[in-house]
């Protein structure tokens, strides 16, 4: 039997500081991470503090739409 909707889904996390800087063309790129989340336990948008190699510091990464 195939499942209709998987409980665990793949999400992409994107740096919030790099997105703001890319508007001004200061940053060289945008940091992105791929991870999984449980749809039932966290139905809202996922936010994690991760290291950004472009900002050279730990920043908040938020879930983006695919």
PDB file of N, CA and C in Angstrom:
ATOM      1  N   UNK A   1       0.825  -1.182   0.000  1.00  0.00           N
ATOM      2  CA  UNK A   1       0.000   0.000   0.000  1.00  0.00           C
ATOM      3  C   UNK A   1       0.875   1.253   0.000  1.00  0.00           C
ATOM      4  N   UNK A   2       0.528   2.164  -0.810  1.00  0.00           N
ATOM      5  CA  UNK A   2       1.261   3.421  -0.875  1.00  0.00           C
ATOM      6  C   UNK A   2       0.614   4.440   0.057  1.00  0.00           C
ATOM      7  N   UNK A   3       1.452   5.262   0.651  1.00  0.00           N
ATOM      8  CA  UNK A   3       0.946   6.309   1.537  1.00  0.00           C
ATOM      9  C   UNK A   3       0.477   7.495   0.708  1.00  0.00           C
ATOM     10  N   UNK A   4      -0.595   8.138   1.154  1.00  0.00           N
ATOM     11  CA  UNK A   4      -1.108   9.305   0.442  1.00  0.00           C
ATOM     12  C   UNK A   4      -0.222  10.514   0.632  1.00  0.00           C
ATOM     13  N   UNK A   5       0.049  10.829   1.893  1.00  0.00           N
ATOM     14  CA  UNK A   5       0.935  11.950   2.206  1.00  0.00           C
ATOM     15  C   UNK A   5       1.943  11.462   3.235  1.00  0.00           C
ATOM     16  N   UNK A   6       3.211  11.688   2.959  1.00  0.00           N
ATOM     17  CA  UNK A   6       4.240  11.295   3.908  1.00  0.00           C
ATOM     18  C   UNK A   6       4.218  12.220   5.110  1.00  0.00           C
ATOM     19  N   UNK A   7       4.532  11.652   6.272  1.00  0.00           N
ATOM     20  CA  UNK A   7       4.569  12.459   7.484  1.00  0.00           C
ATOM     21  C   UNK A   7       5.821  13.325   7.488  1.00  0.00           C
ATOM     22  N   UNK A   8       6.961  12.753   7.079  1.00  0.00           N
ATOM     23  CA  UNK A   8       8.210  13.509   7.039  1.00  0.00           C
ATOM     24  C   UNK A   8       8.409  14.045   5.621  1.00  0.00           C
ATOM     25  N   UNK A   9       8.646  15.341   5.505  1.00  0.00           N
ATOM     26  CA  UNK A   9       8.821  15.979   4.201  1.00  0.00           C
ATOM     27  C   UNK A   9      10.174  16.689   4.164  1.00  0.00           C
ATOM     28  N   UNK A  10      10.736  16.793   2.968  1.00  0.00           N
ATOM     29  CA  UNK A  10      11.989  17.518   2.765  1.00  0.00           C
ATOM     30  C   UNK A  10      11.693  19.014   2.697  1.00  0.00           C
ATOM     31  N   UNK A  11      12.493  19.816   3.411  1.00  0.00           N
ATOM     32  CA  UNK A  11      12.335  21.267   3.382  1.00  0.00           C
ATOM     33  C   UNK A  11      13.688  21.905   3.101  1.00  0.00           C
ATOM     34  N   UNK A  12      13.658  23.105   2.561  1.00  0.00           N
ATOM     35  CA  UNK A  12      14.872  23.872   2.279  1.00  0.00           C
ATOM     36  C   UNK A  12      14.891  25.061   3.220  1.00  0.00           C
ATOM     37  N   UNK A  13      16.007  25.231   3.939  1.00  0.00           N
ATOM     38  CA  UNK A  13      16.189  26.360   4.852  1.00  0.00           C
ATOM     39  C   UNK A  13      17.108  27.379   4.194  1.00  0.00           C
ATOM     40  N   UNK A  14      16.725  28.662   4.251  1.00  0.00           N
ATOM     41  CA  UNK A  14      17.485  29.720   3.599  1.00  0.00           C
ATOM     42  C   UNK A  14      17.846  30.792   4.608  1.00  0.00           C
ATOM     43  N   UNK A  15      19.058  31.324   4.506  1.00  0.00           N
ATOM     44  CA  UNK A  15      19.553  32.355   5.423  1.00  0.00           C
ATOM     45  C   UNK A  15      18.764  33.647   5.244  1.00  0.00           C
ATOM     46  N   UNK A  16      18.345  34.236   6.369  1.00  0.00           N
ATOM     47  CA  UNK A  16      17.571  35.476   6.286  1.00  0.00           C
ATOM     48  C   UNK A  16      18.464  36.680   6.035  1.00  0.00           C
ATOM     49  N   UNK A  17      19.704  36.664   6.539  1.00  0.00           N
ATOM     50  CA  UNK A  17      20.600  37.804   6.337  1.00  0.00           C
ATOM     51  C   UNK A  17      21.077  37.891   4.893  1.00  0.00           C
ATOM     52  N   UNK A  18      21.383  36.767   4.267  1.00  0.00           N
ATOM     53  CA  UNK A  18      21.847  36.767   2.878  1.00  0.00           C
ATOM     54  C   UNK A  18      20.758  37.228   1.920  1.00  0.00           C
ATOM     55  N   UNK A  19      19.511  36.905   2.219  1.00  0.00           N
ATOM     56  CA  UNK A  19      18.399  37.328   1.355  1.00  0.00           C
ATOM     57  C   UNK A  19      18.281  38.846   1.381  1.00  0.00           C
ATOM     58  N   UNK A  20      18.439  39.430   2.568  1.00  0.00           N
ATOM     59  CA  UNK A  20      18.361  40.896   2.676  1.00  0.00           C
ATOM     60  C   UNK A  20      19.545  41.566   1.975  1.00  0.00           C
ATOM     61  N   UNK A  21      20.734  40.975   2.089  1.00  0.00           N
ATOM     62  CA  UNK A  21      21.923  41.565   1.464  1.00  0.00           C
ATOM     63  C   UNK A  21      21.925  41.403  -0.047  1.00  0.00           C
ATOM     64  N   UNK A  22      21.301  40.324  -0.562  1.00  0.00           N
ATOM     65  CA  UNK A  22      21.326  40.083  -2.002  1.00  0.00           C
ATOM     66  C   UNK A  22      20.545  41.152  -2.762  1.00  0.00           C
ATOM     67  N   UNK A  23      19.635  41.843  -2.096  1.00  0.00           N
ATOM     68  CA  UNK A  23      18.911  42.939  -2.735  1.00  0.00           C
ATOM     69  C   UNK A  23      19.877  44.076  -3.046  1.00  0.00           C
ATOM     70  N   UNK A  24      20.852  44.308  -2.125  1.00  0.00           N
ATOM     71  CA  UNK A  24      21.833  45.370  -2.321  1.00  0.00           C
ATOM     72  C   UNK A  24      23.052  44.901  -3.102  1.00  0.00           C
ATOM     73  N   UNK A  25      23.087  43.627  -3.519  1.00  0.00           N
ATOM     74  CA  UNK A  25      24.171  43.030  -4.299  1.00  0.00           C
ATOM     75  C   UNK A  25      25.501  43.048  -3.536  1.00  0.00           C
ATOM     76  N   UNK A  26      25.451  42.938  -2.204  1.00  0.00           N
ATOM     77  CA  UNK A  26      26.665  42.908  -1.392  1.00  0.00           C
ATOM     78  C   UNK A  26      27.142  41.474  -1.206  1.00  0.00           C
ATOM     79  N   UNK A  27      26.215  40.537  -1.024  1.00  0.00           N
ATOM     80  CA  UNK A  27      26.551  39.149  -0.739  1.00  0.00           C
ATOM     81  C   UNK A  27      26.948  38.406  -2.014  1.00  0.00           C
ATOM     82  N   UNK A  28      27.801  37.380  -1.856  1.00  0.00           N
ATOM     83  CA  UNK A  28      28.216  36.579  -3.002  1.00  0.00           C
ATOM     84  C   UNK A  28      27.294  35.405  -3.257  1.00  0.00           C
ATOM     85  N   UNK A  29      26.433  35.069  -2.292  1.00  0.00           N
ATOM     86  CA  UNK A  29      25.531  33.939  -2.465  1.00  0.00           C
ATOM     87  C   UNK A  29      24.516  33.870  -1.347  1.00  0.00           C
ATOM     88  N   UNK A  30      23.695  32.827  -1.387  1.00  0.00           N
ATOM     89  CA  UNK A  30      22.677  32.616  -0.369  1.00  0.00           C
ATOM     90  C   UNK A  30      22.879  31.222   0.196  1.00  0.00           C
ATOM     91  N   UNK A  31      22.990  31.139   1.512  1.00  0.00           N
ATOM     92  CA  UNK A  31      23.197  29.862   2.186  1.00  0.00           C
ATOM     93  C   UNK A  31      21.879  29.102   2.260  1.00  0.00           C
ATOM     94  N   UNK A  32      21.911  27.813   1.871  1.00  0.00           N
ATOM     95  CA  UNK A  32      20.719  26.966   1.928  1.00  0.00           C
ATOM     96  C   UNK A  32      21.094  25.608   2.502  1.00  0.00           C
ATOM     97  N   UNK A  33      20.218  25.073   3.328  1.00  0.00           N
ATOM     98  CA  UNK A  33      20.352  23.742   3.897  1.00  0.00           C
ATOM     99  C   UNK A  33      19.120  22.930   3.540  1.00  0.00           C
ATOM    100  N   UNK A  34      19.284  21.620   3.368  1.00  0.00           N
ATOM    101  CA  UNK A  34      18.168  20.719   3.121  1.00  0.00           C
ATOM    102  C   UNK A  34      18.031  19.821   4.336  1.00  0.00           C
ATOM    103  N   UNK A  35      16.822  19.701   4.864  1.00  0.00           N
ATOM    104  CA  UNK A  35      16.563  18.874   6.026  1.00  0.00           C
ATOM    105  C   UNK A  35      15.155  18.303   5.929  1.00  0.00           C
ATOM    106  N   UNK A  36      14.763  17.527   6.932  1.00  0.00           N
ATOM    107  CA  UNK A  36      13.431  16.956   6.984  1.00  0.00           C
ATOM    108  C   UNK A  36      12.704  17.486   8.207  1.00  0.00           C
ATOM    109  N   UNK A  37      11.372  17.524   8.098  1.00  0.00           N
ATOM    110  CA  UNK A  37      10.570  17.887   9.255  1.00  0.00           C
ATOM    111  C   UNK A  37       9.343  17.011   9.299  1.00  0.00           C
ATOM    112  N   UNK A  38       8.807  16.836  10.491  1.00  0.00           N
ATOM    113  CA  UNK A  38       7.592  16.063  10.685  1.00  0.00           C
ATOM    114  C   UNK A  38       6.405  17.004  10.502  1.00  0.00           C
ATOM    115  N   UNK A  39       5.565  16.694   9.551  1.00  0.00           N
ATOM    116  CA  UNK A  39       4.434  17.569   9.203  1.00  0.00           C
ATOM    117  C   UNK A  39       3.417  17.669  10.334  1.00  0.00           C
ATOM    118  N   UNK A  40       3.245  16.589  11.111  1.00  0.00           N
ATOM    119  CA  UNK A  40       2.258  16.591  12.186  1.00  0.00           C
ATOM    120  C   UNK A  40       2.748  17.361  13.415  1.00  0.00           C
ATOM    121  N   UNK A  41       4.035  17.252  13.749  1.00  0.00           N
ATOM    122  CA  UNK A  41       4.564  17.927  14.934  1.00  0.00           C
ATOM    123  C   UNK A  41       4.848  19.403  14.698  1.00  0.00           C
ATOM    124  N   UNK A  42       5.269  19.785  13.502  1.00  0.00           N
ATOM    125  CA  UNK A  42       5.579  21.182  13.190  1.00  0.00           C
ATOM    126  C   UNK A  42       4.837  21.599  11.921  1.00  0.00           C
ATOM    127  N   UNK A  43       3.560  21.938  12.033  1.00  0.00           N
ATOM    128  CA  UNK A  43       2.808  22.332  10.837  1.00  0.00           C
ATOM    129  C   UNK A  43       3.166  23.727  10.324  1.00  0.00           C
ATOM    130  N   UNK A  44       3.721  24.578  11.206  1.00  0.00           N
ATOM    131  CA  UNK A  44       4.078  25.930  10.772  1.00  0.00           C
ATOM    132  C   UNK A  44       5.487  25.938  10.192  1.00  0.00           C
ATOM    133  N   UNK A  45       5.940  27.111   9.787  1.00  0.00           N
ATOM    134  CA  UNK A  45       7.230  27.272   9.124  1.00  0.00           C
ATOM    135  C   UNK A  45       8.376  27.004  10.093  1.00  0.00           C
ATOM    136  N   UNK A  46       9.381  26.287   9.637  1.00  0.00           N
ATOM    137  CA  UNK A  46      10.511  25.880  10.461  1.00  0.00           C
ATOM    138  C   UNK A  46      11.581  26.968  10.454  1.00  0.00           C
ATOM    139  N   UNK A  47      12.132  27.299  11.638  1.00  0.00           N
ATOM    140  CA  UNK A  47      13.227  28.263  11.776  1.00  0.00           C
ATOM    141  C   UNK A  47      14.307  27.626  12.627  1.00  0.00           C
ATOM    142  N   UNK A  48      15.536  27.580  12.107  1.00  0.00           N
ATOM    143  CA  UNK A  48      16.667  27.027  12.838  1.00  0.00           C
ATOM    144  C   UNK A  48      17.846  27.979  12.738  1.00  0.00           C
ATOM    145  N   UNK A  49      18.684  27.965  13.754  1.00  0.00           N
ATOM    146  CA  UNK A  49      19.890  28.782  13.739  1.00  0.00           C
ATOM    147  C   UNK A  49      21.024  27.916  13.205  1.00  0.00           C
ATOM    148  N   UNK A  50      21.555  28.268  12.019  1.00  0.00           N
ATOM    149  CA  UNK A  50      22.586  27.489  11.343  1.00  0.00           C
ATOM    150  C   UNK A  50      23.731  28.415  10.955  1.00  0.00           C
ATOM    151  N   UNK A  51      24.882  27.814  10.617  1.00  0.00           N
ATOM    152  CA  UNK A  51      26.043  28.598  10.191  1.00  0.00           C
ATOM    153  C   UNK A  51      25.908  28.972   8.726  1.00  0.00           C
ATOM    154  N   UNK A  52      26.145  30.236   8.423  1.00  0.00           N
ATOM    155  CA  UNK A  52      26.108  30.725   7.045  1.00  0.00           C
ATOM    156  C   UNK A  52      27.545  30.989   6.588  1.00  0.00           C
ATOM    157  N   UNK A  53      28.030  30.271   5.580  1.00  0.00           N
ATOM    158  CA  UNK A  53      29.407  30.495   5.125  1.00  0.00           C
ATOM    159  C   UNK A  53      29.613  31.827   4.402  1.00  0.00           C
ATOM    160  N   UNK A  54      28.549  32.461   3.962  1.00  0.00           N
ATOM    161  CA  UNK A  54      28.665  33.749   3.275  1.00  0.00           C
ATOM    162  C   UNK A  54      28.700  34.910   4.267  1.00  0.00           C
ATOM    163  N   UNK A  55      27.978  34.798   5.384  1.00  0.00           N
ATOM    164  CA  UNK A  55      27.972  35.826   6.429  1.00  0.00           C
ATOM    165  C   UNK A  55      29.082  35.581   7.450  1.00  0.00           C
ATOM    166  N   UNK A  56      29.633  34.364   7.492  1.00  0.00           N
ATOM    167  CA  UNK A  56      30.654  33.935   8.454  1.00  0.00           C
ATOM    168  C   UNK A  56      30.157  34.023   9.893  1.00  0.00           C
ATOM    169  N   UNK A  57      28.882  33.674  10.120  1.00  0.00           N
ATOM    170  CA  UNK A  57      28.330  33.658  11.475  1.00  0.00           C
ATOM    171  C   UNK A  57      27.074  32.788  11.490  1.00  0.00           C
ATOM    172  N   UNK A  58      26.588  32.496  12.686  1.00  0.00           N
ATOM    173  CA  UNK A  58      25.353  31.745  12.850  1.00  0.00           C
ATOM    174  C   UNK A  58      24.173  32.701  12.692  1.00  0.00           C
ATOM    175  N   UNK A  59      23.271  32.366  11.779  1.00  0.00           N
ATOM    176  CA  UNK A  59      22.099  33.199  11.517  1.00  0.00           C
ATOM    177  C   UNK A  59      20.853  32.322  11.510  1.00  0.00           C
ATOM    178  N   UNK A  60      19.704  32.957  11.501  1.00  0.00           N
ATOM    179  CA  UNK A  60      18.436  32.235  11.450  1.00  0.00           C
ATOM    180  C   UNK A  60      18.148  31.849  10.003  1.00  0.00           C
ATOM    181  N   UNK A  61      17.871  30.572   9.793  1.00  0.00           N
ATOM    182  CA  UNK A  61      17.498  30.051   8.486  1.00  0.00           C
ATOM    183  C   UNK A  61      16.027  29.649   8.560  1.00  0.00           C
ATOM    184  N   UNK A  62      15.234  30.101   7.598  1.00  0.00           N
ATOM    185  CA  UNK A  62      13.803  29.817   7.595  1.00  0.00           C
ATOM    186  C   UNK A  62      13.455  28.923   6.406  1.00  0.00           C
ATOM    187  N   UNK A  63      12.350  28.230   6.542  1.00  0.00           N
ATOM    188  CA  UNK A  63      11.872  27.325   5.488  1.00  0.00           C
ATOM    189  C   UNK A  63      11.315  28.129   4.318  1.00  0.00           C
ATOM    190  N   UNK A  64      11.650  27.711   3.114  1.00  0.00           N
ATOM    191  CA  UNK A  64      11.127  28.365   1.913  1.00  0.00           C
ATOM    192  C   UNK A  64      10.273  27.369   1.160  1.00  0.00           C
ATOM    193  N   UNK A  65       9.463  27.877   0.240  1.00  0.00           N
ATOM    194  CA  UNK A  65       8.622  27.030  -0.600  1.00  0.00           C
ATOM    195  C   UNK A  65       9.494  26.423  -1.697  1.00  0.00           C
ATOM    196  N   UNK A  66       9.149  25.207  -2.103  1.00  0.00           N
ATOM    197  CA  UNK A  66       9.886  24.543  -3.197  1.00  0.00           C
ATOM    198  C   UNK A  66       9.404  25.011  -4.534  1.00  0.00           C
TER     199      UNK A  66
END
